Amino acid sequence: MIQRKQTLWLLLAAACGFLSFKLPFYSGTTATEISHKLLATENFLLIITTSVISLLALVVIFLFRQRVLQLRLCILGILLEALLIFLYYREVQNFIPKTGTYSLTALLQGAIVFFYFIAAKDINRDEKMVKDSDRLR
């Protein structure tokens, strides 16, 4: 479990997800505030989606005996992250145009997709290795 490569990638995905609760995605001016930072705690959908993505990465680590399920959950994590990026984009539309900027920490969302993708690739590699070793028996 711990010695597998995908564990590292999934831990990094979870860490990036939990960091997005504290680090801003976008900073700018809204109709009510001059300096407003868009965090994962902005609304209920962002909180739930970010929590599910982060906790999913941690849960997938412990499903090491069920690699097919692990792979499917990684793909689900990627799809949920795409939904989260869309939700962030929708929230950015509430800011006054040309008064804000994306924060450097917005790259955390892309990093989560990358880490899930690399973990899925390594899980698939493990599954192929197990199938090949079973064929040799």
N, C-alpha and C. Protein backbone atom coordinates (compact mmCIF):
# COMPACT_ATOMS: atom_id res chain seq x y z
N MET A 1 0.83 -1.19 0.00
CA MET A 1 0.00 0.00 0.00
C MET A 1 0.87 1.25 0.00
N ILE A 2 1.69 1.45 1.02
CA ILE A 2 2.48 2.67 1.14
C ILE A 2 3.63 2.67 0.13
N GLN A 3 4.15 1.50 -0.22
CA GLN A 3 5.31 1.46 -1.10
C GLN A 3 4.94 1.60 -2.58
N ARG A 4 3.68 1.72 -2.89
CA ARG A 4 3.28 1.84 -4.28
C ARG A 4 3.33 3.30 -4.72
N LYS A 5 3.67 3.50 -6.00
CA LYS A 5 3.83 4.86 -6.53
C LYS A 5 2.54 5.67 -6.47
N GLN A 6 1.42 5.01 -6.77
CA GLN A 6 0.17 5.75 -6.81
C GLN A 6 -0.23 6.30 -5.45
N THR A 7 0.27 5.71 -4.38
CA THR A 7 -0.02 6.24 -3.05
C THR A 7 0.54 7.66 -2.92
N LEU A 8 1.74 7.87 -3.41
CA LEU A 8 2.34 9.20 -3.37
C LEU A 8 1.51 10.20 -4.17
N TRP A 9 1.09 9.80 -5.36
CA TRP A 9 0.32 10.72 -6.21
C TRP A 9 -1.04 11.03 -5.60
N LEU A 10 -1.67 10.04 -4.99
CA LEU A 10 -2.97 10.27 -4.38
C LEU A 10 -2.85 11.13 -3.12
N LEU A 11 -1.77 10.94 -2.36
CA LEU A 11 -1.53 11.80 -1.20
C LEU A 11 -1.31 13.25 -1.62
N LEU A 12 -0.57 13.44 -2.71
CA LEU A 12 -0.36 14.79 -3.22
C LEU A 12 -1.67 15.41 -3.71
N ALA A 13 -2.52 14.62 -4.35
CA ALA A 13 -3.82 15.13 -4.80
C ALA A 13 -4.68 15.54 -3.61
N ALA A 14 -4.66 14.73 -2.56
CA ALA A 14 -5.43 15.06 -1.36
C ALA A 14 -4.88 16.32 -0.70
N ALA A 15 -3.56 16.44 -0.64
CA ALA A 15 -2.96 17.63 -0.02
C ALA A 15 -3.32 18.89 -0.80
N CYS A 16 -3.27 18.82 -2.13
CA CYS A 16 -3.66 19.98 -2.94
C CYS A 16 -5.12 20.33 -2.73
N GLY A 17 -5.97 19.32 -2.60
CA GLY A 17 -7.38 19.57 -2.37
C GLY A 17 -7.62 20.26 -1.03
N PHE A 18 -6.95 19.78 0.01
CA PHE A 18 -7.13 20.39 1.32
C PHE A 18 -6.51 21.79 1.38
N LEU A 19 -5.43 22.02 0.63
CA LEU A 19 -4.83 23.35 0.59
C LEU A 19 -5.75 24.38 -0.07
N SER A 20 -6.60 23.92 -0.97
CA SER A 20 -7.47 24.87 -1.66
C SER A 20 -8.53 25.46 -0.73
N PHE A 21 -8.69 24.89 0.47
CA PHE A 21 -9.59 25.50 1.44
C PHE A 21 -8.99 26.78 2.03
N LYS A 22 -7.67 26.87 2.03
CA LYS A 22 -7.00 28.02 2.64
C LYS A 22 -6.38 28.98 1.62
N LEU A 23 -6.07 28.50 0.44
CA LEU A 23 -5.40 29.33 -0.56
C LEU A 23 -6.40 29.76 -1.64
N PRO A 24 -6.33 31.03 -2.09
CA PRO A 24 -7.34 31.55 -3.02
C PRO A 24 -7.16 31.02 -4.45
N PHE A 25 -8.28 30.94 -5.15
CA PHE A 25 -8.28 30.60 -6.57
C PHE A 25 -8.24 31.87 -7.42
N TYR A 26 -8.92 32.90 -6.95
CA TYR A 26 -9.04 34.15 -7.69
C TYR A 26 -9.15 35.29 -6.69
N SER A 27 -8.57 36.42 -7.02
CA SER A 27 -8.66 37.62 -6.18
C SER A 27 -9.12 38.77 -7.05
N GLY A 28 -10.07 39.55 -6.52
CA GLY A 28 -10.56 40.68 -7.30
C GLY A 28 -11.62 41.46 -6.56
N THR A 29 -12.37 42.24 -7.31
CA THR A 29 -13.40 43.11 -6.75
C THR A 29 -14.77 42.58 -7.13
N THR A 30 -15.62 42.47 -6.12
CA THR A 30 -17.02 42.10 -6.37
C THR A 30 -17.88 43.35 -6.21
N ALA A 31 -19.16 43.18 -6.38
CA ALA A 31 -20.07 44.32 -6.24
C ALA A 31 -20.14 44.80 -4.79
N THR A 32 -19.84 43.94 -3.84
CA THR A 32 -19.96 44.30 -2.43
C THR A 32 -18.62 44.51 -1.73
N GLU A 33 -17.56 43.89 -2.24
CA GLU A 33 -16.24 43.98 -1.59
C GLU A 33 -15.18 44.45 -2.58
N ILE A 34 -14.26 45.27 -2.08
CA ILE A 34 -13.18 45.76 -2.94
C ILE A 34 -12.12 44.69 -3.15
N SER A 35 -11.70 44.06 -2.10
CA SER A 35 -10.69 43.01 -2.20
C SER A 35 -11.29 41.71 -1.70
N HIS A 36 -11.65 40.85 -2.63
CA HIS A 36 -12.30 39.60 -2.28
C HIS A 36 -11.49 38.44 -2.85
N LYS A 37 -11.31 37.38 -2.04
CA LYS A 37 -10.59 36.19 -2.50
C LYS A 37 -11.55 35.03 -2.60
N LEU A 38 -11.49 34.36 -3.73
CA LEU A 38 -12.35 33.20 -3.97
C LEU A 38 -11.64 31.95 -3.44
N LEU A 39 -12.21 31.38 -2.38
CA LEU A 39 -11.67 30.16 -1.77
C LEU A 39 -12.64 29.02 -2.00
N ALA A 40 -12.24 27.82 -1.63
CA ALA A 40 -13.12 26.66 -1.74
C ALA A 40 -14.27 26.74 -0.74
N THR A 41 -14.18 27.64 0.22
CA THR A 41 -15.23 27.80 1.22
C THR A 41 -16.25 28.86 0.82
N GLU A 42 -16.26 29.26 -0.43
CA GLU A 42 -17.13 30.35 -0.90
C GLU A 42 -18.61 29.97 -0.86
N ASN A 43 -18.94 28.80 -1.34
CA ASN A 43 -20.34 28.37 -1.30
C ASN A 43 -20.42 26.87 -1.04
N PHE A 44 -21.63 26.39 -0.87
CA PHE A 44 -21.85 25.00 -0.46
C PHE A 44 -21.34 24.01 -1.51
N LEU A 45 -21.60 24.27 -2.80
CA LEU A 45 -21.16 23.35 -3.85
C LEU A 45 -19.64 23.23 -3.91
N LEU A 46 -18.94 24.35 -3.75
CA LEU A 46 -17.48 24.31 -3.76
C LEU A 46 -16.95 23.53 -2.55
N ILE A 47 -17.55 23.73 -1.40
CA ILE A 47 -17.11 23.01 -0.20
C ILE A 47 -17.31 21.51 -0.37
N ILE A 48 -18.49 21.10 -0.79
CA ILE A 48 -18.80 19.68 -0.93
C ILE A 48 -17.92 19.03 -2.00
N THR A 49 -17.80 19.65 -3.15
CA THR A 49 -17.03 19.06 -4.24
C THR A 49 -15.55 18.96 -3.87
N THR A 50 -14.99 19.99 -3.27
CA THR A 50 -13.59 19.95 -2.85
C THR A 50 -13.36 18.89 -1.78
N SER A 51 -14.29 18.79 -0.85
CA SER A 51 -14.17 17.78 0.21
C SER A 51 -14.22 16.37 -0.37
N VAL A 52 -15.16 16.14 -1.27
CA VAL A 52 -15.30 14.81 -1.87
C VAL A 52 -14.06 14.43 -2.67
N ILE A 53 -13.51 15.36 -3.43
CA ILE A 53 -12.32 15.09 -4.22
C ILE A 53 -11.13 14.76 -3.32
N SER A 54 -10.97 15.52 -2.25
CA SER A 54 -9.84 15.31 -1.35
C SER A 54 -9.97 14.01 -0.57
N LEU A 55 -11.17 13.74 -0.07
CA LEU A 55 -11.38 12.51 0.69
C LEU A 55 -11.36 11.28 -0.22
N LEU A 56 -11.81 11.43 -1.46
CA LEU A 56 -11.77 10.33 -2.41
C LEU A 56 -10.33 9.88 -2.66
N ALA A 57 -9.42 10.83 -2.76
CA ALA A 57 -8.02 10.49 -2.97
C ALA A 57 -7.48 9.67 -1.79
N LEU A 58 -7.88 10.02 -0.58
CA LEU A 58 -7.44 9.27 0.59
C LEU A 58 -8.08 7.89 0.65
N VAL A 59 -9.34 7.77 0.28
CA VAL A 59 -10.03 6.49 0.31
C VAL A 59 -9.44 5.53 -0.74
N VAL A 60 -9.12 6.06 -1.90
CA VAL A 60 -8.58 5.23 -2.98
C VAL A 60 -7.27 4.57 -2.57
N ILE A 61 -6.50 5.22 -1.75
CA ILE A 61 -5.22 4.65 -1.29
C ILE A 61 -5.45 3.30 -0.60
N PHE A 62 -6.51 3.21 0.18
CA PHE A 62 -6.73 2.00 0.98
C PHE A 62 -7.49 0.91 0.24
N LEU A 63 -7.80 1.12 -1.01
CA LEU A 63 -8.44 0.10 -1.83
C LEU A 63 -7.40 -0.63 -2.70
N PHE A 64 -6.21 -0.83 -2.16
CA PHE A 64 -5.10 -1.35 -2.95
C PHE A 64 -5.32 -2.78 -3.43
N ARG A 65 -6.21 -3.53 -2.83
CA ARG A 65 -6.47 -4.91 -3.27
C ARG A 65 -7.48 -4.95 -4.42
N GLN A 66 -8.16 -3.85 -4.66
CA GLN A 66 -9.18 -3.79 -5.70
C GLN A 66 -8.77 -2.72 -6.73
N ARG A 67 -7.84 -3.11 -7.59
CA ARG A 67 -7.25 -2.14 -8.51
C ARG A 67 -8.24 -1.61 -9.54
N VAL A 68 -9.19 -2.43 -9.97
CA VAL A 68 -10.18 -1.96 -10.96
C VAL A 68 -11.04 -0.87 -10.33
N LEU A 69 -11.47 -1.08 -9.09
CA LEU A 69 -12.24 -0.06 -8.39
C LEU A 69 -11.41 1.20 -8.16
N GLN A 70 -10.15 1.00 -7.82
CA GLN A 70 -9.25 2.15 -7.64
C GLN A 70 -9.17 2.98 -8.92
N LEU A 71 -9.02 2.30 -10.04
CA LEU A 71 -8.91 2.99 -11.33
C LEU A 71 -10.19 3.76 -11.65
N ARG A 72 -11.34 3.15 -11.40
CA ARG A 72 -12.61 3.82 -11.66
C ARG A 72 -12.80 5.04 -10.76
N LEU A 73 -12.38 4.92 -9.50
CA LEU A 73 -12.51 6.05 -8.58
C LEU A 73 -11.54 7.17 -8.95
N CYS A 74 -10.39 6.83 -9.49
CA CYS A 74 -9.48 7.88 -9.97
C CYS A 74 -10.10 8.64 -11.14
N ILE A 75 -10.75 7.91 -12.04
CA ILE A 75 -11.42 8.57 -13.16
C ILE A 75 -12.57 9.43 -12.65
N LEU A 76 -13.29 8.93 -11.64
CA LEU A 76 -14.35 9.74 -11.01
C LEU A 76 -13.76 11.01 -10.39
N GLY A 77 -12.59 10.89 -9.76
CA GLY A 77 -11.93 12.06 -9.18
C GLY A 77 -11.57 13.09 -10.24
N ILE A 78 -11.12 12.63 -11.39
CA ILE A 78 -10.79 13.55 -12.49
C ILE A 78 -12.06 14.25 -12.98
N LEU A 79 -13.14 13.51 -13.12
CA LEU A 79 -14.39 14.13 -13.58
C LEU A 79 -14.94 15.12 -12.56
N LEU A 80 -14.85 14.77 -11.28
CA LEU A 80 -15.29 15.70 -10.24
C LEU A 80 -14.43 16.96 -10.21
N GLU A 81 -13.14 16.80 -10.48
CA GLU A 81 -12.26 17.97 -10.52
C GLU A 81 -12.61 18.87 -11.71
N ALA A 82 -12.99 18.27 -12.83
CA ALA A 82 -13.45 19.07 -13.97
C ALA A 82 -14.71 19.85 -13.59
N LEU A 83 -15.61 19.21 -12.86
CA LEU A 83 -16.80 19.90 -12.37
C LEU A 83 -16.42 21.04 -11.42
N LEU A 84 -15.46 20.80 -10.56
CA LEU A 84 -15.02 21.83 -9.62
C LEU A 84 -14.40 23.02 -10.35
N ILE A 85 -13.61 22.77 -11.35
CA ILE A 85 -13.03 23.87 -12.13
C ILE A 85 -14.14 24.68 -12.80
N PHE A 86 -15.18 24.00 -13.31
CA PHE A 86 -16.31 24.71 -13.88
C PHE A 86 -17.02 25.56 -12.82
N LEU A 87 -17.19 25.02 -11.62
CA LEU A 87 -17.83 25.77 -10.54
C LEU A 87 -17.01 27.01 -10.17
N TYR A 88 -15.69 26.85 -10.14
CA TYR A 88 -14.83 28.01 -9.88
C TYR A 88 -14.99 29.05 -10.99
N TYR A 89 -15.02 28.61 -12.23
CA TYR A 89 -15.19 29.52 -13.36
C TYR A 89 -16.51 30.29 -13.24
N ARG A 90 -17.55 29.57 -12.83
CA ARG A 90 -18.85 30.22 -12.66
C ARG A 90 -18.82 31.26 -11.54
N GLU A 91 -18.08 30.99 -10.48
CA GLU A 91 -17.95 31.94 -9.37
C GLU A 91 -17.10 33.15 -9.78
N VAL A 92 -16.12 32.95 -10.64
CA VAL A 92 -15.28 34.05 -11.11
C VAL A 92 -16.12 35.05 -11.91
N GLN A 93 -17.18 34.57 -12.55
CA GLN A 93 -18.04 35.46 -13.34
C GLN A 93 -18.76 36.49 -12.46
N ASN A 94 -18.82 36.25 -11.14
CA ASN A 94 -19.46 37.19 -10.22
C ASN A 94 -18.56 38.39 -9.90
N PHE A 95 -17.31 38.32 -10.26
CA PHE A 95 -16.38 39.42 -10.02
C PHE A 95 -16.53 40.46 -11.12
N ILE A 96 -16.19 41.70 -10.80
CA ILE A 96 -16.23 42.77 -11.80
C ILE A 96 -15.12 42.50 -12.82
N PRO A 97 -15.45 42.54 -14.10
CA PRO A 97 -14.45 42.21 -15.14
C PRO A 97 -13.22 43.13 -15.07
N LYS A 98 -12.09 42.57 -15.36
CA LYS A 98 -10.80 43.25 -15.46
C LYS A 98 -10.35 43.90 -14.14
N THR A 99 -10.90 43.47 -13.02
CA THR A 99 -10.45 44.01 -11.74
C THR A 99 -9.75 42.95 -10.90
N GLY A 100 -9.69 41.74 -11.39
CA GLY A 100 -9.10 40.67 -10.60
C GLY A 100 -8.13 39.85 -11.41
N THR A 101 -7.55 38.88 -10.74
CA THR A 101 -6.58 38.01 -11.38
C THR A 101 -6.62 36.63 -10.74
N TYR A 102 -6.29 35.64 -11.53
CA TYR A 102 -6.18 34.29 -10.99
C TYR A 102 -4.94 34.23 -10.11
N SER A 103 -5.08 33.57 -8.99
CA SER A 103 -3.94 33.41 -8.09
C SER A 103 -3.05 32.29 -8.60
N LEU A 104 -1.81 32.32 -8.18
CA LEU A 104 -0.87 31.26 -8.56
C LEU A 104 -1.35 29.92 -8.01
N THR A 105 -2.03 29.97 -6.88
CA THR A 105 -2.51 28.73 -6.27
C THR A 105 -3.71 28.14 -7.00
N ALA A 106 -4.19 28.79 -8.04
CA ALA A 106 -5.23 28.20 -8.88
C ALA A 106 -4.68 26.98 -9.61
N LEU A 107 -3.36 26.92 -9.72
CA LEU A 107 -2.72 25.77 -10.35
C LEU A 107 -2.89 24.49 -9.54
N LEU A 108 -3.29 24.63 -8.27
CA LEU A 108 -3.55 23.44 -7.46
C LEU A 108 -4.63 22.57 -8.08
N GLN A 109 -5.63 23.20 -8.68
CA GLN A 109 -6.72 22.44 -9.30
C GLN A 109 -6.21 21.63 -10.49
N GLY A 110 -5.33 22.21 -11.27
CA GLY A 110 -4.72 21.46 -12.37
C GLY A 110 -3.79 20.38 -11.87
N ALA A 111 -3.12 20.64 -10.75
CA ALA A 111 -2.23 19.65 -10.17
C ALA A 111 -3.01 18.43 -9.68
N ILE A 112 -4.22 18.65 -9.16
CA ILE A 112 -5.04 17.53 -8.70
C ILE A 112 -5.38 16.62 -9.88
N VAL A 113 -5.76 17.21 -11.00
CA VAL A 113 -6.06 16.42 -12.20
C VAL A 113 -4.82 15.64 -12.62
N PHE A 114 -3.67 16.30 -12.62
CA PHE A 114 -2.42 15.65 -13.01
C PHE A 114 -2.10 14.49 -12.08
N PHE A 115 -2.21 14.69 -10.77
CA PHE A 115 -1.89 13.64 -9.81
C PHE A 115 -2.85 12.46 -9.92
N TYR A 116 -4.13 12.73 -10.11
CA TYR A 116 -5.09 11.64 -10.32
C TYR A 116 -4.76 10.86 -11.59
N PHE A 117 -4.40 11.58 -12.64
CA PHE A 117 -4.08 10.93 -13.92
C PHE A 117 -2.85 10.03 -13.78
N ILE A 118 -1.80 10.52 -13.14
CA ILE A 118 -0.59 9.73 -12.96
C ILE A 118 -0.88 8.52 -12.06
N ALA A 119 -1.68 8.71 -11.02
CA ALA A 119 -2.05 7.60 -10.14
C ALA A 119 -2.83 6.54 -10.93
N ALA A 120 -3.76 6.97 -11.77
CA ALA A 120 -4.53 6.02 -12.58
C ALA A 120 -3.62 5.25 -13.53
N LYS A 121 -2.65 5.94 -14.08
CA LYS A 121 -1.70 5.29 -14.98
C LYS A 121 -0.89 4.22 -14.23
N ASP A 122 -0.45 4.52 -13.02
CA ASP A 122 0.31 3.56 -12.23
C ASP A 122 -0.57 2.39 -11.76
N ILE A 123 -1.83 2.67 -11.43
CA ILE A 123 -2.75 1.59 -11.05
C ILE A 123 -2.97 0.66 -12.23
N ASN A 124 -3.14 1.22 -13.41
CA ASN A 124 -3.31 0.42 -14.62
C ASN A 124 -2.06 -0.43 -14.88
N ARG A 125 -0.89 0.14 -14.66
CA ARG A 125 0.36 -0.59 -14.84
C ARG A 125 0.44 -1.77 -13.86
N ASP A 126 0.02 -1.54 -12.61
CA ASP A 126 0.00 -2.62 -11.62
C ASP A 126 -0.97 -3.73 -12.03
N GLU A 127 -2.13 -3.34 -12.51
CA GLU A 127 -3.13 -4.32 -12.93
C GLU A 127 -2.60 -5.17 -14.09
N LYS A 128 -1.93 -4.55 -15.04
CA LYS A 128 -1.35 -5.31 -16.15
C LYS A 128 -0.26 -6.25 -15.65
N MET A 129 0.54 -5.80 -14.70
CA MET A 129 1.61 -6.64 -14.16
C MET A 129 1.02 -7.86 -13.45
N VAL A 130 -0.06 -7.68 -12.70
CA VAL A 130 -0.71 -8.80 -12.01
C VAL A 130 -1.31 -9.77 -13.02
N LYS A 131 -1.94 -9.25 -14.07
CA LYS A 131 -2.52 -10.13 -15.09
C LYS A 131 -1.43 -10.92 -15.81
N ASP A 132 -0.31 -10.27 -16.10
CA ASP A 132 0.80 -10.97 -16.76
C ASP A 132 1.41 -12.04 -15.86
N SER A 133 1.51 -11.76 -14.58
CA SER A 133 2.07 -12.76 -13.67
C SER A 133 1.11 -13.93 -13.47
N ASP A 134 -0.21 -13.67 -13.50
CA ASP A 134 -1.18 -14.75 -13.40
C ASP A 134 -1.15 -15.64 -14.66
N ARG A 135 -0.86 -15.04 -15.78
CA ARG A 135 -0.80 -15.80 -17.03
C ARG A 135 0.39 -16.75 -17.02
N LEU A 136 1.47 -16.37 -16.36
CA LEU A 136 2.66 -17.19 -16.31
C LEU A 136 2.52 -18.39 -15.38
N ARG A 137 1.58 -18.36 -14.45
CA ARG A 137 1.43 -19.47 -13.50
C ARG A 137 0.86 -20.69 -14.11
